[in-house]
Protein backbone atom coordinates (compact mmCIF):
# COMPACT_ATOMS: atom_id res chain seq x y z
CA UNK A 1 0.00 0.00 0.00
CA UNK A 2 1.38 3.43 -0.97
CA UNK A 3 1.74 6.19 1.62
CA UNK A 4 -0.36 9.31 1.04
CA UNK A 5 1.22 11.85 -1.31
CA UNK A 6 1.49 14.43 1.47
CA UNK A 7 3.49 12.01 3.61
CA UNK A 8 5.79 11.24 0.69
CA UNK A 9 6.36 14.92 -0.04
CA UNK A 10 6.93 15.66 3.63
CA UNK A 11 9.59 12.97 3.90
CA UNK A 12 11.50 14.46 0.95
CA UNK A 13 12.04 17.80 2.72
CA UNK A 14 15.39 18.51 4.30
CA UNK A 15 15.80 20.80 7.31
CA UNK A 16 16.27 23.94 5.19
CA UNK A 17 13.18 23.17 3.05
CA UNK A 18 11.13 22.64 6.22
CA UNK A 19 12.39 25.91 7.70
CA UNK A 20 11.62 27.71 4.43
CA UNK A 21 8.06 26.37 4.32
CA UNK A 22 7.50 27.43 7.93
CA UNK A 23 9.07 30.86 7.32
CA UNK A 24 6.80 31.56 4.35
CA UNK A 25 3.49 30.12 5.55
CA UNK A 26 2.34 33.56 6.65
CA UNK A 27 3.62 35.18 3.46
CA UNK A 28 6.89 36.63 2.28
CA UNK A 29 8.48 39.31 4.46
CA UNK A 30 7.13 42.76 3.57
CA UNK A 31 10.50 44.30 2.78
CA UNK A 32 12.09 45.48 -0.49
CA UNK A 33 14.18 42.28 -0.74
CA UNK A 34 12.16 39.43 0.81
CA UNK A 35 14.35 36.60 -0.50
CA UNK A 36 17.41 38.20 1.04
CA UNK A 37 15.60 38.50 4.38
CA UNK A 38 14.63 34.82 4.25
CA UNK A 39 18.19 33.89 3.29
CA UNK A 40 19.57 35.73 6.32
CA UNK A 41 17.15 33.89 8.62
CA UNK A 42 17.96 30.51 7.05
CA UNK A 43 21.72 31.00 6.76
CA UNK A 44 21.94 30.66 2.98
CA UNK A 45 21.93 32.89 -0.11
CA UNK A 46 18.91 34.54 -1.71
CA UNK A 47 19.64 32.46 -4.83
CA UNK A 48 19.38 29.30 -2.72
CA UNK A 49 16.04 30.46 -1.29
CA UNK A 50 14.69 31.08 -4.81
CA UNK A 51 16.05 27.74 -6.08
CA UNK A 52 14.47 25.89 -3.19
CA UNK A 53 11.11 27.65 -3.60
CA UNK A 54 11.13 26.73 -7.30
CA UNK A 55 11.89 23.12 -6.43
CA UNK A 56 9.07 23.07 -3.84
CA UNK A 57 6.70 24.40 -6.50
CA UNK A 58 7.83 21.87 -9.10
CA UNK A 59 7.43 18.98 -6.63
CA UNK A 60 3.95 20.14 -5.65
CA UNK A 61 4.88 20.68 -2.03
CA UNK A 62 3.75 24.28 -2.32
CA UNK A 63 1.11 25.24 -4.85
CA UNK A 64 1.87 28.84 -5.62
CA UNK A 65 3.57 32.03 -4.59
CA UNK A 66 1.21 34.93 -5.03
CA UNK A 67 0.64 38.50 -4.03
CA UNK A 68 -2.24 39.53 -1.81
CA UNK A 69 -2.09 43.32 -1.55
CA UNK A 70 -3.52 45.30 1.33
CA UNK A 71 -5.70 47.61 -0.76
CA UNK A 72 -6.20 50.16 1.98
CA UNK A 73 -2.45 50.44 2.64
CA UNK A 74 -1.81 51.25 -1.04
CA UNK A 75 -4.57 53.87 -1.24
CA UNK A 76 -7.65 52.06 -2.55
CA UNK A 77 -10.82 52.68 -0.57
CA UNK A 78 -12.92 50.04 -2.31
CA UNK A 79 -12.26 46.93 -4.34
CA UNK A 80 -14.01 43.93 -5.75
CA UNK A 81 -12.92 40.37 -6.20
CA UNK A 82 -14.11 37.71 -8.56
CA UNK A 83 -13.20 34.04 -8.44
CA UNK A 84 -13.65 31.84 -11.50
CA UNK A 85 -13.24 28.12 -11.83
CA UNK A 86 -11.14 27.94 -15.00
CA UNK A 87 -9.59 24.77 -16.45
CA UNK A 88 -5.88 24.70 -15.56
CA UNK A 89 -4.81 24.64 -19.19
CA UNK A 90 -6.67 27.92 -19.85
CA UNK A 91 -5.56 29.95 -16.80
CA UNK A 92 -2.82 31.89 -18.60
CA UNK A 93 -5.06 32.68 -21.57
CA UNK A 94 -7.97 33.87 -19.43
CA UNK A 95 -5.71 35.71 -17.00
CA UNK A 96 -4.14 37.66 -19.84
CA UNK A 97 -7.52 38.63 -21.23
CA UNK A 98 -8.93 39.73 -17.88
CA UNK A 99 -5.72 41.54 -16.93
CA UNK A 100 -5.88 43.54 -20.17
CA UNK A 101 -9.25 45.07 -19.23
CA UNK A 102 -9.02 48.80 -18.45
CA UNK A 103 -10.78 48.48 -15.11
CA UNK A 104 -8.64 45.62 -13.77
CA UNK A 105 -5.65 46.66 -11.67
PDB file of N, CA and C in Angstrom:
ATOM      1  N   UNK A   1       0.843  -1.180   0.000  1.00  0.00           N
ATOM      2  CA  UNK A   1       0.000   0.000   0.000  1.00  0.00           C
ATOM      3  C   UNK A   1       0.884   1.237   0.000  1.00  0.00           C
ATOM      4  N   UNK A   2       0.589   2.197  -0.882  1.00  0.00           N
ATOM      5  CA  UNK A   2       1.377   3.431  -0.973  1.00  0.00           C
ATOM      6  C   UNK A   2       0.998   4.393   0.141  1.00  0.00           C
ATOM      7  N   UNK A   3       2.005   5.144   0.624  1.00  0.00           N
ATOM      8  CA  UNK A   3       1.745   6.188   1.619  1.00  0.00           C
ATOM      9  C   UNK A   3       1.055   7.349   0.919  1.00  0.00           C
ATOM     10  N   UNK A   4       0.282   8.132   1.634  1.00  0.00           N
ATOM     11  CA  UNK A   4      -0.363   9.309   1.036  1.00  0.00           C
ATOM     12  C   UNK A   4       0.684  10.243   0.441  1.00  0.00           C
ATOM     13  N   UNK A   5       0.295  10.948  -0.614  1.00  0.00           N
ATOM     14  CA  UNK A   5       1.218  11.846  -1.307  1.00  0.00           C
ATOM     15  C   UNK A   5       1.804  12.888  -0.363  1.00  0.00           C
ATOM     16  N   UNK A   6       0.997  13.423   0.538  1.00  0.00           N
ATOM     17  CA  UNK A   6       1.494  14.435   1.469  1.00  0.00           C
ATOM     18  C   UNK A   6       2.603  13.867   2.347  1.00  0.00           C
ATOM     19  N   UNK A   7       2.455  12.629   2.786  1.00  0.00           N
ATOM     20  CA  UNK A   7       3.487  12.006   3.614  1.00  0.00           C
ATOM     21  C   UNK A   7       4.760  11.800   2.812  1.00  0.00           C
ATOM     22  N   UNK A   8       4.617  11.417   1.541  1.00  0.00           N
ATOM     23  CA  UNK A   8       5.794  11.235   0.690  1.00  0.00           C
ATOM     24  C   UNK A   8       6.510  12.556   0.483  1.00  0.00           C
ATOM     25  N   UNK A   9       5.761  13.605   0.183  1.00  0.00           N
ATOM     26  CA  UNK A   9       6.361  14.920  -0.043  1.00  0.00           C
ATOM     27  C   UNK A   9       7.036  15.411   1.222  1.00  0.00           C
ATOM     28  N   UNK A  10       6.389  15.211   2.354  1.00  0.00           N
ATOM     29  CA  UNK A  10       6.927  15.660   3.629  1.00  0.00           C
ATOM     30  C   UNK A  10       8.249  14.976   3.940  1.00  0.00           C
ATOM     31  N   UNK A  11       8.362  13.702   3.605  1.00  0.00           N
ATOM     32  CA  UNK A  11       9.586  12.969   3.899  1.00  0.00           C
ATOM     33  C   UNK A  11      10.733  13.385   2.984  1.00  0.00           C
ATOM     34  N   UNK A  12      10.447  14.054   1.877  1.00  0.00           N
ATOM     35  CA  UNK A  12      11.504  14.462   0.953  1.00  0.00           C
ATOM     36  C   UNK A  12      12.051  15.852   1.274  1.00  0.00           C
ATOM     37  N   UNK A  13      11.559  16.479   2.335  1.00  0.00           N
ATOM     38  CA  UNK A  13      12.045  17.798   2.723  1.00  0.00           C
ATOM     39  C   UNK A  13      13.246  17.672   3.644  1.00  0.00           C
ATOM     40  N   UNK A  14      14.282  18.461   3.355  1.00  0.00           N
ATOM     41  CA  UNK A  14      15.395  18.507   4.297  1.00  0.00           C
ATOM     42  C   UNK A  14      15.118  19.626   5.302  1.00  0.00           C
ATOM     43  N   UNK A  15      16.018  19.825   6.234  1.00  0.00           N
ATOM     44  CA  UNK A  15      15.803  20.798   7.314  1.00  0.00           C
ATOM     45  C   UNK A  15      15.633  22.219   6.785  1.00  0.00           C
ATOM     46  N   UNK A  16      16.373  22.583   5.742  1.00  0.00           N
ATOM     47  CA  UNK A  16      16.265  23.937   5.187  1.00  0.00           C
ATOM     48  C   UNK A  16      14.924  24.112   4.473  1.00  0.00           C
ATOM     49  N   UNK A  17      14.497  23.095   3.707  1.00  0.00           N
ATOM     50  CA  UNK A  17      13.181  23.171   3.052  1.00  0.00           C
ATOM     51  C   UNK A  17      12.077  23.333   4.097  1.00  0.00           C
ATOM     52  N   UNK A  18      12.150  22.552   5.155  1.00  0.00           N
ATOM     53  CA  UNK A  18      11.133  22.640   6.218  1.00  0.00           C
ATOM     54  C   UNK A  18      11.115  24.041   6.826  1.00  0.00           C
ATOM     55  N   UNK A  19      12.294  24.573   7.121  1.00  0.00           N
ATOM     56  CA  UNK A  19      12.392  25.910   7.702  1.00  0.00           C
ATOM     57  C   UNK A  19      11.857  26.966   6.734  1.00  0.00           C
ATOM     58  N   UNK A  20      12.106  26.779   5.445  1.00  0.00           N
ATOM     59  CA  UNK A  20      11.624  27.715   4.432  1.00  0.00           C
ATOM     60  C   UNK A  20      10.101  27.677   4.339  1.00  0.00           C
ATOM     61  N   UNK A  21       9.525  26.500   4.353  1.00  0.00           N
ATOM     62  CA  UNK A  21       8.065  26.375   4.323  1.00  0.00           C
ATOM     63  C   UNK A  21       7.460  27.061   5.545  1.00  0.00           C
ATOM     64  N   UNK A  22       8.019  26.815   6.703  1.00  0.00           N
ATOM     65  CA  UNK A  22       7.501  27.430   7.931  1.00  0.00           C
ATOM     66  C   UNK A  22       7.653  28.946   7.872  1.00  0.00           C
ATOM     67  N   UNK A  23       8.804  29.420   7.376  1.00  0.00           N
ATOM     68  CA  UNK A  23       9.072  30.860   7.324  1.00  0.00           C
ATOM     69  C   UNK A  23       8.157  31.594   6.346  1.00  0.00           C
ATOM     70  N   UNK A  24       7.624  30.890   5.363  1.00  0.00           N
ATOM     71  CA  UNK A  24       6.801  31.556   4.345  1.00  0.00           C
ATOM     72  C   UNK A  24       5.313  31.256   4.465  1.00  0.00           C
ATOM     73  N   UNK A  25       4.906  30.462   5.429  1.00  0.00           N
ATOM     74  CA  UNK A  25       3.489  30.119   5.551  1.00  0.00           C
ATOM     75  C   UNK A  25       2.611  31.343   5.760  1.00  0.00           C
ATOM     76  N   UNK A  26       3.109  32.346   6.435  1.00  0.00           N
ATOM     77  CA  UNK A  26       2.339  33.562   6.647  1.00  0.00           C
ATOM     78  C   UNK A  26       2.554  34.599   5.568  1.00  0.00           C
ATOM     79  N   UNK A  27       3.314  34.253   4.541  1.00  0.00           N
ATOM     80  CA  UNK A  27       3.617  35.179   3.456  1.00  0.00           C
ATOM     81  C   UNK A  27       5.090  35.553   3.460  1.00  0.00           C
ATOM     82  N   UNK A  28       5.511  36.165   2.371  1.00  0.00           N
ATOM     83  CA  UNK A  28       6.893  36.627   2.280  1.00  0.00           C
ATOM     84  C   UNK A  28       7.063  37.854   3.168  1.00  0.00           C
ATOM     85  N   UNK A  29       8.257  38.105   3.658  1.00  0.00           N
ATOM     86  CA  UNK A  29       8.483  39.312   4.462  1.00  0.00           C
ATOM     87  C   UNK A  29       8.154  40.569   3.641  1.00  0.00           C
ATOM     88  N   UNK A  30       7.521  41.531   4.261  1.00  0.00           N
ATOM     89  CA  UNK A  30       7.129  42.758   3.570  1.00  0.00           C
ATOM     90  C   UNK A  30       8.264  43.774   3.631  1.00  0.00           C
ATOM     91  N   UNK A  31       9.298  43.465   2.881  1.00  0.00           N
ATOM     92  CA  UNK A  31      10.498  44.295   2.780  1.00  0.00           C
ATOM     93  C   UNK A  31      10.875  44.366   1.299  1.00  0.00           C
ATOM     94  N   UNK A  32      11.703  45.355   0.931  1.00  0.00           N
ATOM     95  CA  UNK A  32      12.087  45.475  -0.493  1.00  0.00           C
ATOM     96  C   UNK A  32      12.759  44.226  -1.070  1.00  0.00           C
ATOM     97  N   UNK A  33      13.478  43.470  -0.256  1.00  0.00           N
ATOM     98  CA  UNK A  33      14.180  42.276  -0.744  1.00  0.00           C
ATOM     99  C   UNK A  33      13.823  41.074   0.130  1.00  0.00           C
ATOM    100  N   UNK A  34      12.619  40.502  -0.068  1.00  0.00           N
ATOM    101  CA  UNK A  34      12.158  39.428   0.812  1.00  0.00           C
ATOM    102  C   UNK A  34      13.007  38.160   0.761  1.00  0.00           C
ATOM    103  N   UNK A  35      13.547  37.819  -0.413  1.00  0.00           N
ATOM    104  CA  UNK A  35      14.346  36.595  -0.504  1.00  0.00           C
ATOM    105  C   UNK A  35      15.656  36.745   0.268  1.00  0.00           C
ATOM    106  N   UNK A  36      16.200  37.952   0.267  1.00  0.00           N
ATOM    107  CA  UNK A  36      17.414  38.200   1.039  1.00  0.00           C
ATOM    108  C   UNK A  36      17.124  38.084   2.534  1.00  0.00           C
ATOM    109  N   UNK A  37      15.973  38.593   2.968  1.00  0.00           N
ATOM    110  CA  UNK A  37      15.600  38.500   4.381  1.00  0.00           C
ATOM    111  C   UNK A  37      15.440  37.034   4.794  1.00  0.00           C
ATOM    112  N   UNK A  38      14.780  36.255   3.952  1.00  0.00           N
ATOM    113  CA  UNK A  38      14.632  34.822   4.251  1.00  0.00           C
ATOM    114  C   UNK A  38      15.994  34.139   4.292  1.00  0.00           C
ATOM    115  N   UNK A  39      16.855  34.493   3.350  1.00  0.00           N
ATOM    116  CA  UNK A  39      18.192  33.890   3.291  1.00  0.00           C
ATOM    117  C   UNK A  39      18.965  34.158   4.572  1.00  0.00           C
ATOM    118  N   UNK A  40      18.880  35.388   5.067  1.00  0.00           N
ATOM    119  CA  UNK A  40      19.566  35.725   6.321  1.00  0.00           C
ATOM    120  C   UNK A  40      19.063  34.843   7.457  1.00  0.00           C
ATOM    121  N   UNK A  41      17.751  34.684   7.540  1.00  0.00           N
ATOM    122  CA  UNK A  41      17.151  33.890   8.617  1.00  0.00           C
ATOM    123  C   UNK A  41      17.525  32.412   8.508  1.00  0.00           C
ATOM    124  N   UNK A  42      17.688  31.925   7.270  1.00  0.00           N
ATOM    125  CA  UNK A  42      17.959  30.507   7.050  1.00  0.00           C
ATOM    126  C   UNK A  42      19.450  30.190   6.941  1.00  0.00           C
ATOM    127  N   UNK A  43      20.282  31.228   6.856  1.00  0.00           N
ATOM    128  CA  UNK A  43      21.722  31.003   6.757  1.00  0.00           C
ATOM    129  C   UNK A  43      22.174  30.518   5.397  1.00  0.00           C
ATOM    130  N   UNK A  44      21.536  31.023   4.339  1.00  0.00           N
ATOM    131  CA  UNK A  44      21.937  30.659   2.978  1.00  0.00           C
ATOM    132  C   UNK A  44      21.831  31.905   2.096  1.00  0.00           C
ATOM    133  N   UNK A  45      22.010  31.749   0.806  1.00  0.00           N
ATOM    134  CA  UNK A  45      21.934  32.887  -0.114  1.00  0.00           C
ATOM    135  C   UNK A  45      20.501  33.068  -0.620  1.00  0.00           C
ATOM    136  N   UNK A  46      20.224  34.266  -1.120  1.00  0.00           N
ATOM    137  CA  UNK A  46      18.913  34.538  -1.711  1.00  0.00           C
ATOM    138  C   UNK A  46      18.689  33.630  -2.923  1.00  0.00           C
ATOM    139  N   UNK A  47      19.745  33.356  -3.670  1.00  0.00           N
ATOM    140  CA  UNK A  47      19.639  32.465  -4.825  1.00  0.00           C
ATOM    141  C   UNK A  47      19.219  31.062  -4.384  1.00  0.00           C
ATOM    142  N   UNK A  48      19.746  30.615  -3.248  1.00  0.00           N
ATOM    143  CA  UNK A  48      19.379  29.305  -2.718  1.00  0.00           C
ATOM    144  C   UNK A  48      17.909  29.289  -2.294  1.00  0.00           C
ATOM    145  N   UNK A  49      17.454  30.363  -1.679  1.00  0.00           N
ATOM    146  CA  UNK A  49      16.042  30.464  -1.294  1.00  0.00           C
ATOM    147  C   UNK A  49      15.163  30.351  -2.535  1.00  0.00           C
ATOM    148  N   UNK A  50      15.495  31.107  -3.579  1.00  0.00           N
ATOM    149  CA  UNK A  50      14.691  31.078  -4.809  1.00  0.00           C
ATOM    150  C   UNK A  50      14.742  29.707  -5.478  1.00  0.00           C
ATOM    151  N   UNK A  51      15.913  29.074  -5.482  1.00  0.00           N
ATOM    152  CA  UNK A  51      16.050  27.740  -6.081  1.00  0.00           C
ATOM    153  C   UNK A  51      15.197  26.731  -5.312  1.00  0.00           C
ATOM    154  N   UNK A  52      15.246  26.815  -4.002  1.00  0.00           N
ATOM    155  CA  UNK A  52      14.468  25.885  -3.187  1.00  0.00           C
ATOM    156  C   UNK A  52      12.966  26.115  -3.353  1.00  0.00           C
ATOM    157  N   UNK A  53      12.536  27.371  -3.388  1.00  0.00           N
ATOM    158  CA  UNK A  53      11.114  27.649  -3.603  1.00  0.00           C
ATOM    159  C   UNK A  53      10.657  27.096  -4.950  1.00  0.00           C
ATOM    160  N   UNK A  54      11.469  27.269  -5.988  1.00  0.00           N
ATOM    161  CA  UNK A  54      11.126  26.732  -7.305  1.00  0.00           C
ATOM    162  C   UNK A  54      11.018  25.215  -7.254  1.00  0.00           C
ATOM    163  N   UNK A  55      11.933  24.576  -6.556  1.00  0.00           N
ATOM    164  CA  UNK A  55      11.889  23.123  -6.425  1.00  0.00           C
ATOM    165  C   UNK A  55      10.638  22.682  -5.663  1.00  0.00           C
ATOM    166  N   UNK A  56      10.280  23.395  -4.605  1.00  0.00           N
ATOM    167  CA  UNK A  56       9.073  23.069  -3.839  1.00  0.00           C
ATOM    168  C   UNK A  56       7.829  23.213  -4.706  1.00  0.00           C
ATOM    169  N   UNK A  57       7.808  24.234  -5.559  1.00  0.00           N
ATOM    170  CA  UNK A  57       6.700  24.400  -6.502  1.00  0.00           C
ATOM    171  C   UNK A  57       6.645  23.243  -7.489  1.00  0.00           C
ATOM    172  N   UNK A  58       7.773  22.929  -8.086  1.00  0.00           N
ATOM    173  CA  UNK A  58       7.833  21.869  -9.103  1.00  0.00           C
ATOM    174  C   UNK A  58       7.440  20.510  -8.535  1.00  0.00           C
ATOM    175  N   UNK A  59       7.753  20.260  -7.265  1.00  0.00           N
ATOM    176  CA  UNK A  59       7.426  18.982  -6.627  1.00  0.00           C
ATOM    177  C   UNK A  59       6.014  18.958  -6.054  1.00  0.00           C
ATOM    178  N   UNK A  60       5.316  20.085  -6.143  1.00  0.00           N
ATOM    179  CA  UNK A  60       3.946  20.142  -5.654  1.00  0.00           C
ATOM    180  C   UNK A  60       3.825  20.263  -4.148  1.00  0.00           C
ATOM    181  N   UNK A  61       4.918  20.544  -3.477  1.00  0.00           N
ATOM    182  CA  UNK A  61       4.884  20.680  -2.026  1.00  0.00           C
ATOM    183  C   UNK A  61       4.229  22.004  -1.641  1.00  0.00           C
ATOM    184  N   UNK A  62       4.510  23.043  -2.429  1.00  0.00           N
ATOM    185  CA  UNK A  62       3.750  24.284  -2.321  1.00  0.00           C
ATOM    186  C   UNK A  62       3.063  24.492  -3.653  1.00  0.00           C
ATOM    187  N   UNK A  63       1.892  25.111  -3.625  1.00  0.00           N
ATOM    188  CA  UNK A  63       1.106  25.241  -4.855  1.00  0.00           C
ATOM    189  C   UNK A  63       1.381  26.520  -5.620  1.00  0.00           C
ATOM    190  N   UNK A  64       1.637  27.596  -4.908  1.00  0.00           N
ATOM    191  CA  UNK A  64       1.868  28.843  -5.615  1.00  0.00           C
ATOM    192  C   UNK A  64       2.517  29.845  -4.697  1.00  0.00           C
ATOM    193  N   UNK A  65       3.084  30.858  -5.307  1.00  0.00           N
ATOM    194  CA  UNK A  65       3.569  32.030  -4.593  1.00  0.00           C
ATOM    195  C   UNK A  65       2.826  33.188  -5.240  1.00  0.00           C
ATOM    196  N   UNK A  66       2.030  33.862  -4.470  1.00  0.00           N
ATOM    197  CA  UNK A  66       1.206  34.930  -5.029  1.00  0.00           C
ATOM    198  C   UNK A  66       1.235  36.166  -4.168  1.00  0.00           C
ATOM    199  N   UNK A  67       0.706  37.222  -4.713  1.00  0.00           N
ATOM    200  CA  UNK A  67       0.640  38.497  -4.026  1.00  0.00           C
ATOM    201  C   UNK A  67      -0.790  38.748  -3.579  1.00  0.00           C
ATOM    202  N   UNK A  68      -0.940  39.126  -2.338  1.00  0.00           N
ATOM    203  CA  UNK A  68      -2.241  39.528  -1.807  1.00  0.00           C
ATOM    204  C   UNK A  68      -2.046  40.927  -1.225  1.00  0.00           C
ATOM    205  N   UNK A  69      -2.344  41.955  -2.019  1.00  0.00           N
ATOM    206  CA  UNK A  69      -2.085  43.318  -1.545  1.00  0.00           C
ATOM    207  C   UNK A  69      -3.084  43.762  -0.477  1.00  0.00           C
ATOM    208  N   UNK A  70      -2.642  44.636   0.389  1.00  0.00           N
ATOM    209  CA  UNK A  70      -3.520  45.304   1.332  1.00  0.00           C
ATOM    210  C   UNK A  70      -4.000  46.570   0.626  1.00  0.00           C
ATOM    211  N   UNK A  71      -5.193  46.523   0.076  1.00  0.00           N
ATOM    212  CA  UNK A  71      -5.696  47.608  -0.760  1.00  0.00           C
ATOM    213  C   UNK A  71      -5.746  48.940  -0.028  1.00  0.00           C
ATOM    214  N   UNK A  72      -6.110  48.915   1.217  1.00  0.00           N
ATOM    215  CA  UNK A  72      -6.198  50.164   1.980  1.00  0.00           C
ATOM    216  C   UNK A  72      -4.814  50.770   2.182  1.00  0.00           C
ATOM    217  N   UNK A  73      -3.814  49.946   2.426  1.00  0.00           N
ATOM    218  CA  UNK A  73      -2.452  50.440   2.638  1.00  0.00           C
ATOM    219  C   UNK A  73      -1.874  51.081   1.383  1.00  0.00           C
ATOM    220  N   UNK A  74      -2.343  50.668   0.197  1.00  0.00           N
ATOM    221  CA  UNK A  74      -1.815  51.253  -1.041  1.00  0.00           C
ATOM    222  C   UNK A  74      -2.745  52.312  -1.621  1.00  0.00           C
ATOM    223  N   UNK A  75      -3.763  52.724  -0.844  1.00  0.00           N
ATOM    224  CA  UNK A  75      -4.569  53.873  -1.237  1.00  0.00           C
ATOM    225  C   UNK A  75      -5.931  53.597  -1.832  1.00  0.00           C
ATOM    226  N   UNK A  76      -6.318  52.357  -2.026  1.00  0.00           N
ATOM    227  CA  UNK A  76      -7.650  52.063  -2.548  1.00  0.00           C
ATOM    228  C   UNK A  76      -8.649  52.069  -1.391  1.00  0.00           C
ATOM    229  N   UNK A  77      -9.800  52.655  -1.619  1.00  0.00           N
ATOM    230  CA  UNK A  77     -10.820  52.681  -0.567  1.00  0.00           C
ATOM    231  C   UNK A  77     -11.921  51.661  -0.817  1.00  0.00           C
ATOM    232  N   UNK A  78     -11.936  51.082  -1.993  1.00  0.00           N
ATOM    233  CA  UNK A  78     -12.916  50.042  -2.313  1.00  0.00           C
ATOM    234  C   UNK A  78     -12.301  49.106  -3.352  1.00  0.00           C
ATOM    235  N   UNK A  79     -12.731  47.875  -3.332  1.00  0.00           N
ATOM    236  CA  UNK A  79     -12.260  46.930  -4.336  1.00  0.00           C
ATOM    237  C   UNK A  79     -13.270  45.806  -4.472  1.00  0.00           C
ATOM    238  N   UNK A  80     -13.159  45.084  -5.531  1.00  0.00           N
ATOM    239  CA  UNK A  80     -14.014  43.929  -5.748  1.00  0.00           C
ATOM    240  C   UNK A  80     -13.169  42.746  -6.146  1.00  0.00           C
ATOM    241  N   UNK A  81     -13.643  41.569  -5.834  1.00  0.00           N
ATOM    242  CA  UNK A  81     -12.918  40.366  -6.201  1.00  0.00           C
ATOM    243  C   UNK A  81     -13.875  39.403  -6.871  1.00  0.00           C
ATOM    244  N   UNK A  82     -13.350  38.716  -7.846  1.00  0.00           N
ATOM    245  CA  UNK A  82     -14.112  37.710  -8.564  1.00  0.00           C
ATOM    246  C   UNK A  82     -13.277  36.437  -8.609  1.00  0.00           C
ATOM    247  N   UNK A  83     -13.905  35.323  -8.386  1.00  0.00           N
ATOM    248  CA  UNK A  83     -13.200  34.036  -8.442  1.00  0.00           C
ATOM    249  C   UNK A  83     -13.890  33.174  -9.487  1.00  0.00           C
ATOM    250  N   UNK A  84     -13.113  32.678 -10.430  1.00  0.00           N
ATOM    251  CA  UNK A  84     -13.654  31.844 -11.499  1.00  0.00           C
ATOM    252  C   UNK A  84     -12.994  30.476 -11.445  1.00  0.00           C
ATOM    253  N   UNK A  85     -13.762  29.471 -11.731  1.00  0.00           N
ATOM    254  CA  UNK A  85     -13.236  28.117 -11.829  1.00  0.00           C
ATOM    255  C   UNK A  85     -12.895  27.877 -13.297  1.00  0.00           C
ATOM    256  N   UNK A  86     -11.618  28.025 -13.618  1.00  0.00           N
ATOM    257  CA  UNK A  86     -11.140  27.938 -14.997  1.00  0.00           C
ATOM    258  C   UNK A  86     -10.292  26.676 -15.143  1.00  0.00           C
ATOM    259  N   UNK A  87     -10.456  25.937 -16.238  1.00  0.00           N
ATOM    260  CA  UNK A  87      -9.589  24.770 -16.449  1.00  0.00           C
ATOM    261  C   UNK A  87      -8.111  25.176 -16.392  1.00  0.00           C
ATOM    262  N   UNK A  88      -7.295  24.379 -15.739  1.00  0.00           N
ATOM    263  CA  UNK A  88      -5.878  24.701 -15.555  1.00  0.00           C
ATOM    264  C   UNK A  88      -5.181  25.080 -16.860  1.00  0.00           C
ATOM    265  N   UNK A  89      -5.507  24.378 -17.922  1.00  0.00           N
ATOM    266  CA  UNK A  89      -4.815  24.636 -19.192  1.00  0.00           C
ATOM    267  C   UNK A  89      -5.216  25.964 -19.827  1.00  0.00           C
ATOM    268  N   UNK A  90      -6.223  26.643 -19.289  1.00  0.00           N
ATOM    269  CA  UNK A  90      -6.671  27.923 -19.847  1.00  0.00           C
ATOM    270  C   UNK A  90      -6.409  29.109 -18.919  1.00  0.00           C
ATOM    271  N   UNK A  91      -5.782  28.880 -17.778  1.00  0.00           N
ATOM    272  CA  UNK A  91      -5.558  29.946 -16.799  1.00  0.00           C
ATOM    273  C   UNK A  91      -4.765  31.104 -17.395  1.00  0.00           C
ATOM    274  N   UNK A  92      -3.649  30.819 -18.050  1.00  0.00           N
ATOM    275  CA  UNK A  92      -2.818  31.889 -18.601  1.00  0.00           C
ATOM    276  C   UNK A  92      -3.567  32.690 -19.658  1.00  0.00           C
ATOM    277  N   UNK A  93      -4.287  32.002 -20.515  1.00  0.00           N
ATOM    278  CA  UNK A  93      -5.055  32.675 -21.569  1.00  0.00           C
ATOM    279  C   UNK A  93      -6.106  33.600 -20.962  1.00  0.00           C
ATOM    280  N   UNK A  94      -6.907  33.073 -20.047  1.00  0.00           N
ATOM    281  CA  UNK A  94      -7.972  33.872 -19.430  1.00  0.00           C
ATOM    282  C   UNK A  94      -7.392  34.994 -18.579  1.00  0.00           C
ATOM    283  N   UNK A  95      -6.345  34.691 -17.832  1.00  0.00           N
ATOM    284  CA  UNK A  95      -5.708  35.711 -16.996  1.00  0.00           C
ATOM    285  C   UNK A  95      -5.208  36.885 -17.808  1.00  0.00           C
ATOM    286  N   UNK A  96      -4.617  36.598 -18.954  1.00  0.00           N
ATOM    287  CA  UNK A  96      -4.138  37.661 -19.837  1.00  0.00           C
ATOM    288  C   UNK A  96      -5.275  38.524 -20.352  1.00  0.00           C
ATOM    289  N   UNK A  97      -6.363  37.890 -20.712  1.00  0.00           N
ATOM    290  CA  UNK A  97      -7.517  38.632 -21.229  1.00  0.00           C
ATOM    291  C   UNK A  97      -8.149  39.509 -20.147  1.00  0.00           C
ATOM    292  N   UNK A  98      -8.338  38.949 -18.969  1.00  0.00           N
ATOM    293  CA  UNK A  98      -8.932  39.728 -17.884  1.00  0.00           C
ATOM    294  C   UNK A  98      -7.983  40.843 -17.450  1.00  0.00           C
ATOM    295  N   UNK A  99      -6.702  40.532 -17.340  1.00  0.00           N
ATOM    296  CA  UNK A  99      -5.718  41.536 -16.930  1.00  0.00           C
ATOM    297  C   UNK A  99      -5.593  42.684 -17.908  1.00  0.00           C
ATOM    298  N   UNK A 100      -5.966  42.490 -19.154  1.00  0.00           N
ATOM    299  CA  UNK A 100      -5.877  43.536 -20.173  1.00  0.00           C
ATOM    300  C   UNK A 100      -7.062  44.509 -20.116  1.00  0.00           C
ATOM    301  N   UNK A 101      -8.088  44.177 -19.342  1.00  0.00           N
ATOM    302  CA  UNK A 101      -9.249  45.067 -19.230  1.00  0.00           C
ATOM    303  C   UNK A 101      -8.857  46.356 -18.519  1.00  0.00           C
ATOM    304  N   UNK A 102      -9.374  47.490 -19.005  1.00  0.00           N
ATOM    305  CA  UNK A 102      -9.018  48.798 -18.450  1.00  0.00           C
ATOM    306  C   UNK A 102      -9.302  48.917 -16.955  1.00  0.00           C
ATOM    307  N   UNK A 103     -10.364  48.304 -16.498  1.00  0.00           N
ATOM    308  CA  UNK A 103     -10.785  48.479 -15.114  1.00  0.00           C
ATOM    309  C   UNK A 103     -10.182  47.468 -14.149  1.00  0.00           C
ATOM    310  N   UNK A 104      -9.304  46.604 -14.627  1.00  0.00           N
ATOM    311  CA  UNK A 104      -8.645  45.616 -13.769  1.00  0.00           C
ATOM    312  C   UNK A 104      -7.255  46.126 -13.413  1.00  0.00           C
ATOM    313  N   UNK A 105      -6.961  46.179 -12.107  1.00  0.00           N
ATOM    314  CA  UNK A 105      -5.654  46.661 -11.665  1.00  0.00           C
ATOM    315  C   UNK A 105      -4.826  45.507 -11.137  1.00  0.00           C
TER     316      UNK A 105
END
